Amino acid sequence: MDPLAELVKLDPKSIGVGQYQHDVDQNALKRSLEDTVISCVNGVGVELNTASKQLLSQVSGLNSRSAAAIVSRRNDKGPFKTRADLLEVTGLGPKAYEQAAGFLRIRDAVHPLDASGVHPERYALVEKMAADLGCTVADLLKDEKLRKKIKLETYVTETVGLPTLTDIMAELAKPGRDPRQKFEAFSFQEGVNKPEDLKPGMKLPGLVTNVTAFGAFVDIGVHQDGLVHVSQLADSFVKDPSAVVKPGQKVSVTVTEVDLTRGRIALSMRSAPQLGAKSGQSAPRTSPGHSRPAPTSAPASRPQQSLTNDWFNAALNKKR
């Protein structure tokens, strides 16, 4: 139901984060990827009463030990009713609570702000805003007209600046709402389940799995990625493949060649791909107003180019 909860269980390096990921300092790469994962988890927020130990351990201020203690307390005494209940968790001190509380959500909590990204240390400020308007915090969360009456400048202090107040108001407008875009289920072409089902000329939906300097690998649902060479990414010249496609992007591709013996699948994203032609080879160009010369037949003794070209072998080796 929640892909993020499962993705945090994987080593980020194992999903192929770049063409040269093995050529850089591995410790620096590990730190950078872990920071990205933590940033994503904290940006989305974590439901305290349902999150797994692995997901909780990615929250700022928590680690695998404190995450396990939270799950253990949840199993022993039932779901958390307020964020303050976290202080009862063994091994979770005030500092860890201060860091983690704002990223943990409690749906249907006693305090309405426990389901939002507002930190507990700012609850009193929001309560004062509500009191000044003669309403409750719950009313403030529901009624946009009430929120528009708040003059943020009057609540600026030495410890709370206007940027913080602006963030609080943004959170009050969408308390606990998942910031991620709506997930759209992707489906591959029905009836195409293995490489043997592929035929040159087939147009298929696919997902970009990796982008390299020589092209992009695309998953078309046959348990083996196909390669779109950089020359086949668009009708026009492409210098940098990453400027055209991104990992996870939905694309439409045409199968140009299939080599079952060597397990090679060549794809194209051009509007008029050349089937069976050497991948990476574009049609000859002519100047405006000149007709294109008719192709001549190759000598019979000349072996036909196939997917065993050096660039394709290099591409697959890079991916491995």
Foldseek 3Di string as FASTA:
>chain_A
DDVLLVVLVDQVVVLPPALCCVVDDVVVVSVVVLVVNLVVLLLQFAALLDGDLSSLCSHPLHHSVQSVQSVVCCVVPNGDQALVCSCVGPPRDPVSSQRGQLRYAYPPHPDVLSLFSDGPVCPVVLQVLQVVLPHGLVCLLVDPVSLVVDDQVVSDDPVDHPVNVVVVSVRSPPGNDGPDDDDDDDDKDPPQAALVSDDFFDKIKWFFSHAYQQFTWTCRHHPATATEGQLQLEPDHDRGRVVRDDGGDIAIWGWQDADPVVGHTYIGRYPDDHHPADRPDDDDDDDPPDDDDDDDDDDPVDDHDDCVDPVNVVVVVSVD
